Each structure stands twice: as structure tokens, then as C-alpha cells.
PDB file of N, CA and C in Angstrom:
ATOM      1  N   MET A   1       0.739  -1.237  -0.045  1.00  0.00           N
ATOM      2  CA  MET A   1       0.131   0.007  -0.006  1.00  0.00           C
ATOM      3  C   MET A   1       0.716   1.156  -0.136  1.00  0.00           C
ATOM      4  N   ILE A   2       0.609   2.263  -0.851  1.00  0.00           N
ATOM      5  CA  ILE A   2       1.261   3.526  -0.909  1.00  0.00           C
ATOM      6  C   ILE A   2       0.524   4.600  -0.187  1.00  0.00           C
ATOM      7  N   ILE A   3       1.051   5.231   0.557  1.00  0.00           N
ATOM      8  CA  ILE A   3       0.395   6.143   1.427  1.00  0.00           C
ATOM      9  C   ILE A   3       1.018   7.589   1.100  1.00  0.00           C
ATOM     10  N   TYR A   4       0.160   8.618   0.669  1.00  0.00           N
ATOM     11  CA  TYR A   4       0.600   9.940   0.313  1.00  0.00           C
ATOM     12  C   TYR A   4      -0.180  10.807   1.771  1.00  0.00           C
ATOM     13  N   ASN A   5       0.954  11.361   2.310  1.00  0.00           N
ATOM     14  CA  ASN A   5       0.703  12.054   3.725  1.00  0.00           C
ATOM     15  C   ASN A   5       0.938  13.566   3.471  1.00  0.00           C
ATOM     16  N   GLU A   6      -0.022  14.372   3.934  1.00  0.00           N
ATOM     17  CA  GLU A   6       0.090  15.607   4.045  1.00  0.00           C
ATOM     18  C   GLU A   6      -0.017  16.138   5.423  1.00  0.00           C
ATOM     19  N   THR A   7       0.883  16.803   5.968  1.00  0.00           N
ATOM     20  CA  THR A   7       1.087  17.191   7.331  1.00  0.00           C
ATOM     21  C   THR A   7       0.873  18.681   7.151  1.00  0.00           C
ATOM     22  N   ILE A   8      -0.311  19.176   7.820  1.00  0.00           N
ATOM     23  CA  ILE A   8      -0.615  20.640   7.898  1.00  0.00           C
ATOM     24  C   ILE A   8      -0.681  21.278   9.212  1.00  0.00           C
ATOM     25  N   ILE A   9       0.012  22.300   9.466  1.00  0.00           N
ATOM     26  CA  ILE A   9       0.057  22.972  10.560  1.00  0.00           C
ATOM     27  C   ILE A   9      -0.794  24.523  10.387  1.00  0.00           C
ATOM     28  N   VAL A  10      -2.055  24.468  11.105  1.00  0.00           N
ATOM     29  CA  VAL A  10      -2.761  25.448  10.770  1.00  0.00           C
ATOM     30  C   VAL A  10      -2.922  26.295  12.045  1.00  0.00           C
ATOM     31  N   GLU A  11      -3.161  27.686  11.830  1.00  0.00           N
ATOM     32  CA  GLU A  11      -3.401  28.684  13.030  1.00  0.00           C
ATOM     33  C   GLU A  11      -4.583  28.120  13.804  1.00  0.00           C
ATOM     34  N   GLU A  12      -4.451  28.232  15.155  1.00  0.00           N
ATOM     35  CA  GLU A  12      -5.487  27.660  15.865  1.00  0.00           C
ATOM     36  C   GLU A  12      -6.676  28.272  15.847  1.00  0.00           C
ATOM     37  N   THR A  13      -6.673  29.730  15.553  1.00  0.00           N
ATOM     38  CA  THR A  13      -8.051  30.343  15.302  1.00  0.00           C
ATOM     39  C   THR A  13      -8.878  29.933  14.233  1.00  0.00           C
ATOM     40  N   ILE A  14      -8.405  29.369  13.216  1.00  0.00           N
ATOM     41  CA  ILE A  14      -9.030  29.012  12.083  1.00  0.00           C
ATOM     42  C   ILE A  14      -9.279  27.517  11.889  1.00  0.00           C
ATOM     43  N   TYR A  15      -8.800  26.701  12.935  1.00  0.00           N
ATOM     44  CA  TYR A  15      -8.626  25.180  12.795  1.00  0.00           C
ATOM     45  C   TYR A  15     -10.077  24.576  12.530  1.00  0.00           C
ATOM     46  N   ASP A  16     -11.054  24.930  13.395  1.00  0.00           N
ATOM     47  CA  ASP A  16     -12.363  24.263  13.198  1.00  0.00           C
ATOM     48  C   ASP A  16     -12.912  24.586  11.797  1.00  0.00           C
ATOM     49  N   GLU A  17     -12.946  25.753  11.361  1.00  0.00           N
ATOM     50  CA  GLU A  17     -13.380  26.116   9.982  1.00  0.00           C
ATOM     51  C   GLU A  17     -12.528  25.401   8.985  1.00  0.00           C
ATOM     52  N   TRP A  18     -11.254  25.184   9.143  1.00  0.00           N
ATOM     53  CA  TRP A  18     -10.327  24.699   8.021  1.00  0.00           C
ATOM     54  C   TRP A  18     -10.741  23.155   8.087  1.00  0.00           C
ATOM     55  N   LEU A  19     -10.785  22.559   9.224  1.00  0.00           N
ATOM     56  CA  LEU A  19     -11.206  21.217   9.304  1.00  0.00           C
ATOM     57  C   LEU A  19     -12.500  20.920   8.606  1.00  0.00           C
ATOM     58  N   THR A  20     -13.536  21.733   8.736  1.00  0.00           N
ATOM     59  CA  THR A  20     -14.764  21.411   8.126  1.00  0.00           C
ATOM     60  C   THR A  20     -14.642  21.596   6.554  1.00  0.00           C
ATOM     61  N   TRP A  21     -13.716  22.689   6.119  1.00  0.00           N
ATOM     62  CA  TRP A  21     -13.541  22.756   4.676  1.00  0.00           C
ATOM     63  C   TRP A  21     -12.775  21.548   4.091  1.00  0.00           C
ATOM     64  N   MET A  22     -11.884  21.060   4.818  1.00  0.00           N
ATOM     65  CA  MET A  22     -11.105  20.070   4.568  1.00  0.00           C
ATOM     66  C   MET A  22     -12.082  18.779   4.148  1.00  0.00           C
ATOM     67  N   LYS A  23     -12.880  18.559   5.106  1.00  0.00           N
ATOM     68  CA  LYS A  23     -13.843  17.418   5.099  1.00  0.00           C
ATOM     69  C   LYS A  23     -14.914  17.483   4.041  1.00  0.00           C
ATOM     70  N   GLU A  24     -15.450  18.717   3.772  1.00  0.00           N
ATOM     71  CA  GLU A  24     -16.603  18.838   2.986  1.00  0.00           C
ATOM     72  C   GLU A  24     -16.227  19.314   1.523  1.00  0.00           C
ATOM     73  N   VAL A  25     -14.873  19.902   1.352  1.00  0.00           N
ATOM     74  CA  VAL A  25     -14.527  20.318   0.107  1.00  0.00           C
ATOM     75  C   VAL A  25     -13.251  19.512  -0.591  1.00  0.00           C
ATOM     76  N   HIS A  26     -12.062  19.968   0.204  1.00  0.00           N
ATOM     77  CA  HIS A  26     -10.732  19.569  -0.223  1.00  0.00           C
ATOM     78  C   HIS A  26     -10.646  17.897  -0.399  1.00  0.00           C
ATOM     79  N   ILE A  27     -10.941  17.174   0.678  1.00  0.00           N
ATOM     80  CA  ILE A  27     -10.681  15.772   0.636  1.00  0.00           C
ATOM     81  C   ILE A  27     -11.683  15.254  -0.311  1.00  0.00           C
ATOM     82  N   PRO A  28     -12.933  15.617  -0.424  1.00  0.00           N
ATOM     83  CA  PRO A  28     -13.995  14.987  -1.410  1.00  0.00           C
ATOM     84  C   PRO A  28     -13.319  15.280  -2.773  1.00  0.00           C
ATOM     85  N   ALA A  29     -12.507  16.482  -3.117  1.00  0.00           N
ATOM     86  CA  ALA A  29     -11.979  16.693  -4.449  1.00  0.00           C
ATOM     87  C   ALA A  29     -10.903  15.862  -4.824  1.00  0.00           C
ATOM     88  N   VAL A  30     -10.055  15.549  -3.737  1.00  0.00           N
ATOM     89  CA  VAL A  30      -8.920  14.718  -3.912  1.00  0.00           C
ATOM     90  C   VAL A  30      -9.559  13.325  -4.147  1.00  0.00           C
ATOM     91  N   MET A  31     -10.339  12.791  -3.515  1.00  0.00           N
ATOM     92  CA  MET A  31     -11.108  11.452  -3.704  1.00  0.00           C
ATOM     93  C   MET A  31     -11.810  11.314  -4.924  1.00  0.00           C
ATOM     94  N   ALA A  32     -12.235  12.527  -5.499  1.00  0.00           N
ATOM     95  CA  ALA A  32     -13.090  12.369  -6.695  1.00  0.00           C
ATOM     96  C   ALA A  32     -12.033  12.287  -7.958  1.00  0.00           C
ATOM     97  N   THR A  33     -10.782  12.394  -7.945  1.00  0.00           N
ATOM     98  CA  THR A  33      -9.843  12.024  -8.842  1.00  0.00           C
ATOM     99  C   THR A  33      -9.788  10.471  -9.249  1.00  0.00           C
ATOM    100  N   GLY A  34     -10.361   9.780  -8.267  1.00  0.00           N
ATOM    101  CA  GLY A  34     -10.400   8.137  -8.454  1.00  0.00           C
ATOM    102  C   GLY A  34      -9.023   7.574  -8.175  1.00  0.00           C
ATOM    103  N   LEU A  35      -7.964   8.230  -7.834  1.00  0.00           N
ATOM    104  CA  LEU A  35      -6.747   7.706  -7.736  1.00  0.00           C
ATOM    105  C   LEU A  35      -6.481   7.032  -6.257  1.00  0.00           C
ATOM    106  N   PHE A  36      -7.282   7.530  -5.295  1.00  0.00           N
ATOM    107  CA  PHE A  36      -7.036   6.810  -3.917  1.00  0.00           C
ATOM    108  C   PHE A  36      -8.248   6.032  -3.539  1.00  0.00           C
ATOM    109  N   LYS A  37      -7.979   4.926  -2.861  1.00  0.00           N
ATOM    110  CA  LYS A  37      -9.175   4.101  -2.227  1.00  0.00           C
ATOM    111  C   LYS A  37      -9.624   4.512  -0.861  1.00  0.00           C
ATOM    112  N   SER A  38      -8.855   5.160  -0.127  1.00  0.00           N
ATOM    113  CA  SER A  38      -9.469   5.672   1.148  1.00  0.00           C
ATOM    114  C   SER A  38      -8.492   6.956   1.528  1.00  0.00           C
ATOM    115  N   PHE A  39      -8.868   7.415   2.812  1.00  0.00           N
ATOM    116  CA  PHE A  39      -8.120   8.336   3.469  1.00  0.00           C
ATOM    117  C   PHE A  39      -8.379   8.271   4.900  1.00  0.00           C
ATOM    118  N   GLN A  40      -7.494   9.017   5.744  1.00  0.00           N
ATOM    119  CA  GLN A  40      -7.729   9.144   7.116  1.00  0.00           C
ATOM    120  C   GLN A  40      -7.110  10.592   7.468  1.00  0.00           C
ATOM    121  N   ILE A  41      -7.892  10.966   8.551  1.00  0.00           N
ATOM    122  CA  ILE A  41      -7.487  12.501   9.094  1.00  0.00           C
ATOM    123  C   ILE A  41      -7.030  12.063  10.484  1.00  0.00           C
ATOM    124  N   LEU A  42      -5.786  12.700  10.679  1.00  0.00           N
ATOM    125  CA  LEU A  42      -5.152  12.455  12.215  1.00  0.00           C
ATOM    126  C   LEU A  42      -4.948  13.851  12.728  1.00  0.00           C
ATOM    127  N   LYS A  43      -5.174  14.034  14.010  1.00  0.00           N
ATOM    128  CA  LYS A  43      -4.628  15.185  14.689  1.00  0.00           C
ATOM    129  C   LYS A  43      -3.454  14.850  15.598  1.00  0.00           C
ATOM    130  N   VAL A  44      -2.258  15.587  15.559  1.00  0.00           N
ATOM    131  CA  VAL A  44      -1.118  15.306  16.204  1.00  0.00           C
ATOM    132  C   VAL A  44      -1.391  15.769  17.615  1.00  0.00           C
ATOM    133  N   ILE A  45      -1.275  15.138  18.613  1.00  0.00           N
ATOM    134  CA  ILE A  45      -1.408  15.493  20.025  1.00  0.00           C
ATOM    135  C   ILE A  45      -0.121  15.851  20.719  1.00  0.00           C
ATOM    136  N   ASP A  46       0.994  15.749  20.258  1.00  0.00           N
ATOM    137  CA  ASP A  46       2.355  16.348  20.893  1.00  0.00           C
ATOM    138  C   ASP A  46       3.104  17.043  19.946  1.00  0.00           C
ATOM    139  N   SER A  47       2.415  17.806  19.335  1.00  0.00           N
ATOM    140  CA  SER A  47       3.362  18.606  18.321  1.00  0.00           C
ATOM    141  C   SER A  47       3.869  19.645  18.902  1.00  0.00           C
ATOM    142  N   PRO A  48       5.293  19.975  18.639  1.00  0.00           N
ATOM    143  CA  PRO A  48       6.098  21.186  19.279  1.00  0.00           C
ATOM    144  C   PRO A  48       5.692  22.300  18.416  1.00  0.00           C
ATOM    145  N   ASN A  49       4.784  22.350  17.528  1.00  0.00           N
ATOM    146  CA  ASN A  49       4.735  23.511  16.654  1.00  0.00           C
ATOM    147  C   ASN A  49       3.540  24.367  17.250  1.00  0.00           C
ATOM    148  N   GLU A  50       3.617  25.752  16.808  1.00  0.00           N
ATOM    149  CA  GLU A  50       2.434  26.598  17.316  1.00  0.00           C
ATOM    150  C   GLU A  50       1.327  26.101  16.226  1.00  0.00           C
ATOM    151  N   GLY A  51       0.127  26.363  16.670  1.00  0.00           N
ATOM    152  CA  GLY A  51      -1.109  25.935  15.983  1.00  0.00           C
ATOM    153  C   GLY A  51      -1.440  24.540  16.160  1.00  0.00           C
ATOM    154  N   VAL A  52      -2.195  24.079  15.275  1.00  0.00           N
ATOM    155  CA  VAL A  52      -2.756  22.645  15.346  1.00  0.00           C
ATOM    156  C   VAL A  52      -2.129  21.836  14.209  1.00  0.00           C
ATOM    157  N   THR A  53      -1.431  20.745  14.503  1.00  0.00           N
ATOM    158  CA  THR A  53      -1.012  19.901  13.537  1.00  0.00           C
ATOM    159  C   THR A  53      -1.854  18.715  13.138  1.00  0.00           C
ATOM    160  N   SER A  54      -2.180  18.553  11.914  1.00  0.00           N
ATOM    161  CA  SER A  54      -2.923  17.478  11.473  1.00  0.00           C
ATOM    162  C   SER A  54      -2.173  16.740  10.317  1.00  0.00           C
ATOM    163  N   CYS A  55      -2.634  15.403  10.104  1.00  0.00           N
ATOM    164  CA  CYS A  55      -2.324  14.769   8.875  1.00  0.00           C
ATOM    165  C   CYS A  55      -3.321  14.301   8.216  1.00  0.00           C
ATOM    166  N   VAL A  56      -3.326  14.219   6.816  1.00  0.00           N
ATOM    167  CA  VAL A  56      -4.290  13.631   5.985  1.00  0.00           C
ATOM    168  C   VAL A  56      -3.559  12.536   5.182  1.00  0.00           C
ATOM    169  N   GLN A  57      -3.930  11.376   5.409  1.00  0.00           N
ATOM    170  CA  GLN A  57      -3.345  10.142   4.589  1.00  0.00           C
ATOM    171  C   GLN A  57      -4.327   9.616   3.543  1.00  0.00           C
ATOM    172  N   TYR A  58      -3.778   9.610   2.374  1.00  0.00           N
ATOM    173  CA  TYR A  58      -4.545   8.932   1.263  1.00  0.00           C
ATOM    174  C   TYR A  58      -3.815   7.732   0.867  1.00  0.00           C
ATOM    175  N   TYR A  59      -4.584   6.731   0.701  1.00  0.00           N
ATOM    176  CA  TYR A  59      -4.062   5.374   0.378  1.00  0.00           C
ATOM    177  C   TYR A  59      -4.417   4.826  -1.109  1.00  0.00           C
ATOM    178  N   THR A  60      -3.307   4.396  -1.602  1.00  0.00           N
ATOM    179  CA  THR A  60      -3.603   3.811  -3.027  1.00  0.00           C
ATOM    180  C   THR A  60      -2.673   2.479  -3.202  1.00  0.00           C
ATOM    181  N   GLU A  61      -3.011   1.798  -4.084  1.00  0.00           N
ATOM    182  CA  GLU A  61      -2.022   0.600  -4.454  1.00  0.00           C
ATOM    183  C   GLU A  61      -1.091   0.639  -5.436  1.00  0.00           C
ATOM    184  N   LYS A  62      -1.123   1.728  -6.273  1.00  0.00           N
ATOM    185  CA  LYS A  62      -0.186   1.728  -7.330  1.00  0.00           C
ATOM    186  C   LYS A  62       0.457   3.310  -7.233  1.00  0.00           C
ATOM    187  N   LEU A  63       2.006   3.110  -7.369  1.00  0.00           N
ATOM    188  CA  LEU A  63       2.840   4.541  -7.415  1.00  0.00           C
ATOM    189  C   LEU A  63       2.372   5.274  -8.618  1.00  0.00           C
ATOM    190  N   GLU A  64       1.915   4.617  -9.560  1.00  0.00           N
ATOM    191  CA  GLU A  64       1.493   5.334 -10.920  1.00  0.00           C
ATOM    192  C   GLU A  64       0.268   6.417 -10.545  1.00  0.00           C
ATOM    193  N   HIS A  65      -0.592   6.021  -9.573  1.00  0.00           N
ATOM    194  CA  HIS A  65      -1.646   6.725  -9.041  1.00  0.00           C
ATOM    195  C   HIS A  65      -1.105   8.127  -8.553  1.00  0.00           C
ATOM    196  N   ILE A  66       0.135   7.865  -7.716  1.00  0.00           N
ATOM    197  CA  ILE A  66       0.509   9.008  -7.026  1.00  0.00           C
ATOM    198  C   ILE A  66       1.276   9.948  -8.000  1.00  0.00           C
ATOM    199  N   ASN A  67       1.836   9.390  -8.952  1.00  0.00           N
ATOM    200  CA  ASN A  67       2.556  10.209  -9.981  1.00  0.00           C
ATOM    201  C   ASN A  67       1.478  10.961 -10.678  1.00  0.00           C
ATOM    202  N   THR A  68       0.252  10.402 -11.012  1.00  0.00           N
ATOM    203  CA  THR A  68      -0.721  11.075 -11.839  1.00  0.00           C
ATOM    204  C   THR A  68      -1.375  11.979 -11.173  1.00  0.00           C
ATOM    205  N   TYR A  69      -1.471  11.865  -9.765  1.00  0.00           N
ATOM    206  CA  TYR A  69      -2.168  12.727  -9.073  1.00  0.00           C
ATOM    207  C   TYR A  69      -1.189  13.980  -8.834  1.00  0.00           C
ATOM    208  N   PHE A  70       0.135  13.823  -8.767  1.00  0.00           N
ATOM    209  CA  PHE A  70       1.104  14.759  -8.727  1.00  0.00           C
ATOM    210  C   PHE A  70       1.211  15.726 -10.018  1.00  0.00           C
ATOM    211  N   THR A  71       1.055  15.076 -11.108  1.00  0.00           N
ATOM    212  CA  THR A  71       1.223  15.739 -12.418  1.00  0.00           C
ATOM    213  C   THR A  71       0.024  16.523 -12.852  1.00  0.00           C
ATOM    214  N   GLU A  72      -1.121  15.863 -12.533  1.00  0.00           N
ATOM    215  CA  GLU A  72      -2.395  16.376 -12.957  1.00  0.00           C
ATOM    216  C   GLU A  72      -3.515  17.160 -11.858  1.00  0.00           C
ATOM    217  N   HIS A  73      -3.117  16.921 -10.609  1.00  0.00           N
ATOM    218  CA  HIS A  73      -4.214  17.269  -9.878  1.00  0.00           C
ATOM    219  C   HIS A  73      -3.578  18.259  -8.700  1.00  0.00           C
ATOM    220  N   LEU A  74      -2.523  18.016  -8.181  1.00  0.00           N
ATOM    221  CA  LEU A  74      -1.852  18.554  -6.973  1.00  0.00           C
ATOM    222  C   LEU A  74      -1.759  19.965  -7.042  1.00  0.00           C
ATOM    223  N   SER A  75      -1.297  20.603  -8.054  1.00  0.00           N
ATOM    224  CA  SER A  75      -1.108  22.018  -8.094  1.00  0.00           C
ATOM    225  C   SER A  75      -2.348  22.748  -8.130  1.00  0.00           C
ATOM    226  N   GLY A  76      -3.311  22.409  -8.619  1.00  0.00           N
ATOM    227  CA  GLY A  76      -4.701  22.941  -8.715  1.00  0.00           C
ATOM    228  C   GLY A  76      -5.301  22.890  -7.422  1.00  0.00           C
ATOM    229  N   LEU A  77      -5.280  21.667  -6.687  1.00  0.00           N
ATOM    230  CA  LEU A  77      -5.939  21.762  -5.348  1.00  0.00           C
ATOM    231  C   LEU A  77      -5.057  22.381  -4.296  1.00  0.00           C
ATOM    232  N   ASN A  78      -3.798  22.430  -4.548  1.00  0.00           N
ATOM    233  CA  ASN A  78      -3.151  23.228  -3.457  1.00  0.00           C
ATOM    234  C   ASN A  78      -3.228  24.718  -3.730  1.00  0.00           C
ATOM    235  N   ALA A  79      -3.469  25.203  -4.819  1.00  0.00           N
ATOM    236  CA  ALA A  79      -3.837  26.441  -5.062  1.00  0.00           C
ATOM    237  C   ALA A  79      -5.046  27.249  -4.504  1.00  0.00           C
ATOM    238  N   VAL A  80      -6.023  26.194  -4.599  1.00  0.00           N
ATOM    239  CA  VAL A  80      -7.274  26.555  -3.702  1.00  0.00           C
ATOM    240  C   VAL A  80      -7.092  26.601  -2.309  1.00  0.00           C
ATOM    241  N   HIS A  81      -6.523  25.580  -1.865  1.00  0.00           N
ATOM    242  CA  HIS A  81      -6.172  25.718  -0.471  1.00  0.00           C
ATOM    243  C   HIS A  81      -5.242  26.912  -0.046  1.00  0.00           C
ATOM    244  N   GLN A  82      -4.176  27.255  -0.859  1.00  0.00           N
ATOM    245  CA  GLN A  82      -3.426  28.280  -0.556  1.00  0.00           C
ATOM    246  C   GLN A  82      -4.213  29.669  -0.675  1.00  0.00           C
ATOM    247  N   GLN A  83      -5.149  29.748  -1.700  1.00  0.00           N
ATOM    248  CA  GLN A  83      -5.779  31.097  -1.755  1.00  0.00           C
ATOM    249  C   GLN A  83      -6.923  31.309  -0.764  1.00  0.00           C
ATOM    250  N   ARG A  84      -7.388  30.096  -0.179  1.00  0.00           N
ATOM    251  CA  ARG A  84      -8.457  30.298   0.949  1.00  0.00           C
ATOM    252  C   ARG A  84      -7.862  30.504   2.128  1.00  0.00           C
ATOM    253  N   TYR A  85      -6.548  30.069   2.407  1.00  0.00           N
ATOM    254  CA  TYR A  85      -5.955  30.153   3.736  1.00  0.00           C
ATOM    255  C   TYR A  85      -4.626  30.696   3.767  1.00  0.00           C
ATOM    256  N   GLU A  86      -4.346  31.743   2.862  1.00  0.00           N
ATOM    257  CA  GLU A  86      -3.189  32.195   2.677  1.00  0.00           C
ATOM    258  C   GLU A  86      -2.457  32.694   4.012  1.00  0.00           C
ATOM    259  N   ASN A  87      -1.245  32.213   4.137  1.00  0.00           N
ATOM    260  CA  ASN A  87      -0.497  32.602   5.381  1.00  0.00           C
ATOM    261  C   ASN A  87      -0.948  32.134   6.552  1.00  0.00           C
ATOM    262  N   LYS A  88      -2.064  31.217   6.580  1.00  0.00           N
ATOM    263  CA  LYS A  88      -2.444  30.592   7.842  1.00  0.00           C
ATOM    264  C   LYS A  88      -2.157  29.121   8.149  1.00  0.00           C
ATOM    265  N   PHE A  89      -1.314  28.561   7.203  1.00  0.00           N
ATOM    266  CA  PHE A  89      -1.069  27.103   7.405  1.00  0.00           C
ATOM    267  C   PHE A  89       0.411  26.899   6.771  1.00  0.00           C
ATOM    268  N   VAL A  90       0.937  25.859   7.146  1.00  0.00           N
ATOM    269  CA  VAL A  90       2.276  25.391   6.273  1.00  0.00           C
ATOM    270  C   VAL A  90       1.907  24.000   6.135  1.00  0.00           C
ATOM    271  N   ILE A  91       2.313  23.278   4.982  1.00  0.00           N
ATOM    272  CA  ILE A  91       2.122  21.995   4.644  1.00  0.00           C
ATOM    273  C   ILE A  91       3.453  21.398   4.048  1.00  0.00           C
ATOM    274  N   PHE A  92       3.418  20.061   4.526  1.00  0.00           N
ATOM    275  CA  PHE A  92       4.527  19.557   3.763  1.00  0.00           C
ATOM    276  C   PHE A  92       4.056  17.915   3.555  1.00  0.00           C
ATOM    277  N   ASN A  93       4.639  17.327   2.450  1.00  0.00           N
ATOM    278  CA  ASN A  93       4.128  16.055   1.958  1.00  0.00           C
ATOM    279  C   ASN A  93       5.116  14.890   2.204  1.00  0.00           C
ATOM    280  N   THR A  94       4.746  13.701   2.593  1.00  0.00           N
ATOM    281  CA  THR A  94       5.585  12.437   2.659  1.00  0.00           C
ATOM    282  C   THR A  94       4.865  11.582   1.888  1.00  0.00           C
ATOM    283  N   LEU A  95       5.750  10.743   1.337  1.00  0.00           N
ATOM    284  CA  LEU A  95       5.158   9.481   0.420  1.00  0.00           C
ATOM    285  C   LEU A  95       5.796   8.338   1.252  1.00  0.00           C
ATOM    286  N   MET A  96       4.932   7.276   1.472  1.00  0.00           N
ATOM    287  CA  MET A  96       5.301   6.222   2.405  1.00  0.00           C
ATOM    288  C   MET A  96       4.718   4.907   1.608  1.00  0.00           C
ATOM    289  N   GLU A  97       5.379   3.787   2.000  1.00  0.00           N
ATOM    290  CA  GLU A  97       5.001   2.455   1.591  1.00  0.00           C
ATOM    291  C   GLU A  97       4.902   1.639   2.745  1.00  0.00           C
ATOM    292  N   SER A  98       3.638   0.756   2.851  1.00  0.00           N
ATOM    293  CA  SER A  98       3.351  -0.089   4.048  1.00  0.00           C
ATOM    294  C   SER A  98       4.545  -1.311   3.863  1.00  0.00           C
ATOM    295  N   VAL A  99       5.001  -1.807   4.784  1.00  0.00           N
ATOM    296  CA  VAL A  99       6.022  -2.672   4.682  1.00  0.00           C
ATOM    297  C   VAL A  99       5.516  -4.203   5.261  1.00  0.00           C
ATOM    298  N   ASP A 100       4.266  -4.146   5.609  1.00  0.00           N
ATOM    299  CA  ASP A 100       3.774  -5.388   6.106  1.00  0.00           C
ATOM    300  C   ASP A 100       2.545  -5.934   5.570  1.00  0.00           C
TER     301      ASP A 100
END
């Protein structure tokens, strides 16, 4: 299983609104690409960062799906995220593979 992980640090003042937007708009748009089988939202409980740190993990079985997502969808979806929450969050991505 291939896991595409987005770690997002969001200002505490907008966290609830941001999380609702992620659940109702952003994540459904990512899933609508048809490239991921499932997803999971996690909240980091011991983050040393200011703000609230969350992770969204998207699961797929093929690395080709990740490559397609990166080349055809990522920049557009990130642009919407950036425009809506400009200077209110920091994001970094990690690509992982299940070993069991």
C-alpha cells in the first residue's frame, strides 16, 4: 500500500473552520480523482509547533496513481487551499509505503 501523507500546521484560530472545509470540500475533491482508495484524518497530539498539526493520509495501491495525482491534480488543489487560507498554514508532504 502506498500512502500519500499531507502534514498541515494550521493557525489555532481557524482550525475548526479549516477542518470542516477539508472534510466537505478538499478531501472529497482529492477522492473524486479516483486515484485513492481511502483516506484518514489525524490530529497530532504532541506537536512542538505553534498551531494545530493534522495529517491527512490518502491510500492507493499503485505508485502510478501518485504520479498521476502529482502531475495532473496537486497544483490545482493546492492553489485553492493556498488562496483560501493564505499565510494561515504550513504544509509538507511525505510519500510512504506499507512494509507489512
